[in-house]
Amino acid sequence: MAIFFLSAVGGDLMDAAVDTAVSTKLSPQSVFKIESGRWMVKSDTPTSQNLSQTLGLTSSTTHIVILVGGYYGRAAPALWEWMANQATPK
């Protein structure tokens, strides 16, 4: 399993397209919505490109997918809890 950061690029229409793809194609347990169009995603897909293709975003929606190798920052406690839970084997 890998953790990815997914972000729409290009405004409200792209935000909505990414939100729809994530909410319809991924399980609620594998995602964390940061804000409209921005998500943390836990996925079995091996690459950022594969995740984009799985979500059906590659040819129609401007976006970026980044494989997370480490993280640091300041954010809502719920985000840190989600990230910690993804790293814990179940």
C-alpha atoms as a PDB file:
ATOM      1  CA  MET A   1       0.000   0.000   0.000  1.00  0.00           C
ATOM      2  CA  ALA A   2       1.112   3.529  -0.780  1.00  0.00           C
ATOM      3  CA  ILE A   3      -0.138   6.946   0.237  1.00  0.00           C
ATOM      4  CA  PHE A   4      -0.667   9.599  -2.424  1.00  0.00           C
ATOM      5  CA  PHE A   5      -1.560  13.276  -2.378  1.00  0.00           C
ATOM      6  CA  LEU A   6      -4.095  14.071  -5.116  1.00  0.00           C
ATOM      7  CA  SER A   7      -4.958  17.623  -6.110  1.00  0.00           C
ATOM      8  CA  ALA A   8      -7.121  19.102  -8.818  1.00  0.00           C
ATOM      9  CA  VAL A   9      -5.538  21.959 -10.766  1.00  0.00           C
ATOM     10  CA  GLY A  10      -7.650  24.579 -12.468  1.00  0.00           C
ATOM     11  CA  GLY A  11     -10.517  25.722 -10.302  1.00  0.00           C
ATOM     12  CA  ASP A  12     -13.960  24.634  -9.194  1.00  0.00           C
ATOM     13  CA  LEU A  13     -14.807  22.388 -12.191  1.00  0.00           C
ATOM     14  CA  MET A  14     -11.605  20.381 -11.732  1.00  0.00           C
ATOM     15  CA  ASP A  15     -12.149  20.232  -7.949  1.00  0.00           C
ATOM     16  CA  ALA A  16     -15.608  18.771  -8.537  1.00  0.00           C
ATOM     17  CA  ALA A  17     -14.310  16.225 -11.073  1.00  0.00           C
ATOM     18  CA  VAL A  18     -11.625  14.975  -8.671  1.00  0.00           C
ATOM     19  CA  ASP A  19     -14.099  14.862  -5.761  1.00  0.00           C
ATOM     20  CA  THR A  20     -16.562  12.823  -7.830  1.00  0.00           C
ATOM     21  CA  ALA A  21     -13.898  10.382  -9.032  1.00  0.00           C
ATOM     22  CA  VAL A  22     -12.556   9.791  -5.528  1.00  0.00           C
ATOM     23  CA  SER A  23     -15.957   9.435  -3.874  1.00  0.00           C
ATOM     24  CA  THR A  24     -17.313   7.042  -6.497  1.00  0.00           C
ATOM     25  CA  LYS A  25     -14.249   4.883  -7.204  1.00  0.00           C
ATOM     26  CA  LEU A  26     -12.508   4.538  -3.839  1.00  0.00           C
ATOM     27  CA  SER A  27     -13.643   3.280  -0.450  1.00  0.00           C
ATOM     28  CA  PRO A  28     -14.235   5.900   2.244  1.00  0.00           C
ATOM     29  CA  GLN A  29     -11.698   4.157   4.493  1.00  0.00           C
ATOM     30  CA  SER A  30      -8.903   4.674   1.956  1.00  0.00           C
ATOM     31  CA  VAL A  31      -9.261   8.434   1.526  1.00  0.00           C
ATOM     32  CA  PHE A  32      -9.063  11.641   3.527  1.00  0.00           C
ATOM     33  CA  LYS A  33     -10.534  14.837   2.084  1.00  0.00           C
ATOM     34  CA  ILE A  34      -8.385  17.838   2.929  1.00  0.00           C
ATOM     35  CA  GLU A  35     -10.648  20.271   1.071  1.00  0.00           C
ATOM     36  CA  SER A  36     -12.518  20.307  -2.213  1.00  0.00           C
ATOM     37  CA  GLY A  37     -10.288  18.801  -4.884  1.00  0.00           C
ATOM     38  CA  ARG A  38      -7.505  17.794  -2.457  1.00  0.00           C
ATOM     39  CA  TRP A  39      -7.243  14.291  -1.047  1.00  0.00           C
ATOM     40  CA  MET A  40      -4.911  11.887   0.681  1.00  0.00           C
ATOM     41  CA  VAL A  41      -5.376   8.414  -0.811  1.00  0.00           C
ATOM     42  CA  LYS A  42      -4.181   5.009   0.349  1.00  0.00           C
ATOM     43  CA  SER A  43      -4.017   2.667  -2.633  1.00  0.00           C
ATOM     44  CA  ASP A  44      -2.633  -0.636  -3.878  1.00  0.00           C
ATOM     45  CA  THR A  45      -1.742   1.013  -7.187  1.00  0.00           C
ATOM     46  CA  PRO A  46       2.030   1.084  -7.620  1.00  0.00           C
ATOM     47  CA  THR A  47       2.430   4.529  -9.213  1.00  0.00           C
ATOM     48  CA  SER A  48       0.888   7.974  -9.375  1.00  0.00           C
ATOM     49  CA  GLN A  49       0.016   7.352 -13.025  1.00  0.00           C
ATOM     50  CA  ASN A  50      -1.831   4.141 -12.132  1.00  0.00           C
ATOM     51  CA  LEU A  51      -3.902   5.956  -9.510  1.00  0.00           C
ATOM     52  CA  SER A  52      -4.788   8.678 -12.021  1.00  0.00           C
ATOM     53  CA  GLN A  53      -5.865   6.026 -14.519  1.00  0.00           C
ATOM     54  CA  THR A  54      -7.832   4.072 -11.881  1.00  0.00           C
ATOM     55  CA  LEU A  55      -9.764   7.234 -11.062  1.00  0.00           C
ATOM     56  CA  GLY A  56     -10.385   7.994 -14.745  1.00  0.00           C
ATOM     57  CA  LEU A  57      -8.740  11.406 -14.507  1.00  0.00           C
ATOM     58  CA  THR A  58      -5.842  11.007 -16.923  1.00  0.00           C
ATOM     59  CA  SER A  59      -7.434  12.262 -20.121  1.00  0.00           C
ATOM     60  CA  SER A  60     -10.101  14.646 -18.865  1.00  0.00           C
ATOM     61  CA  THR A  61      -9.160  16.439 -15.654  1.00  0.00           C
ATOM     62  CA  THR A  62      -6.162  18.625 -14.838  1.00  0.00           C
ATOM     63  CA  HIS A  63      -4.650  17.282 -11.649  1.00  0.00           C
ATOM     64  CA  ILE A  64      -1.480  16.133  -9.939  1.00  0.00           C
ATOM     65  CA  VAL A  65      -0.805  12.894  -8.037  1.00  0.00           C
ATOM     66  CA  ILE A  66       2.218  12.697  -5.745  1.00  0.00           C
ATOM     67  CA  LEU A  67       3.502   9.569  -3.996  1.00  0.00           C
ATOM     68  CA  VAL A  68       4.109  10.481  -0.348  1.00  0.00           C
ATOM     69  CA  GLY A  69       7.476   9.340   0.961  1.00  0.00           C
ATOM     70  CA  GLY A  70       7.399  11.385   4.146  1.00  0.00           C
ATOM     71  CA  TYR A  71       5.410  14.220   5.584  1.00  0.00           C
ATOM     72  CA  TYR A  72       5.631  17.179   7.890  1.00  0.00           C
ATOM     73  CA  GLY A  73       3.587  20.286   8.476  1.00  0.00           C
ATOM     74  CA  ARG A  74       0.727  21.817  10.361  1.00  0.00           C
ATOM     75  CA  ALA A  75      -2.810  20.622   9.730  1.00  0.00           C
ATOM     76  CA  ALA A  76      -5.985  19.489  11.438  1.00  0.00           C
ATOM     77  CA  PRO A  77      -5.431  16.643  13.948  1.00  0.00           C
ATOM     78  CA  ALA A  78      -7.778  14.417  11.928  1.00  0.00           C
ATOM     79  CA  LEU A  79      -5.323  14.434   9.013  1.00  0.00           C
ATOM     80  CA  TRP A  80      -2.399  13.333  11.209  1.00  0.00           C
ATOM     81  CA  GLU A  81      -4.558  10.604  12.779  1.00  0.00           C
ATOM     82  CA  TRP A  82      -5.560   9.334   9.323  1.00  0.00           C
ATOM     83  CA  MET A  83      -1.920   9.316   8.159  1.00  0.00           C
ATOM     84  CA  ALA A  84      -0.784   7.459  11.283  1.00  0.00           C
ATOM     85  CA  ASN A  85      -3.545   4.864  10.879  1.00  0.00           C
ATOM     86  CA  GLN A  86      -2.550   4.184   7.268  1.00  0.00           C
ATOM     87  CA  ALA A  87       0.979   3.304   8.339  1.00  0.00           C
ATOM     88  CA  THR A  88      -0.235   0.866  10.987  1.00  0.00           C
ATOM     89  CA  PRO A  89      -0.603  -2.733   9.723  1.00  0.00           C
ATOM     90  CA  LYS A  90      -4.093  -4.084  10.313  1.00  0.00           C
END
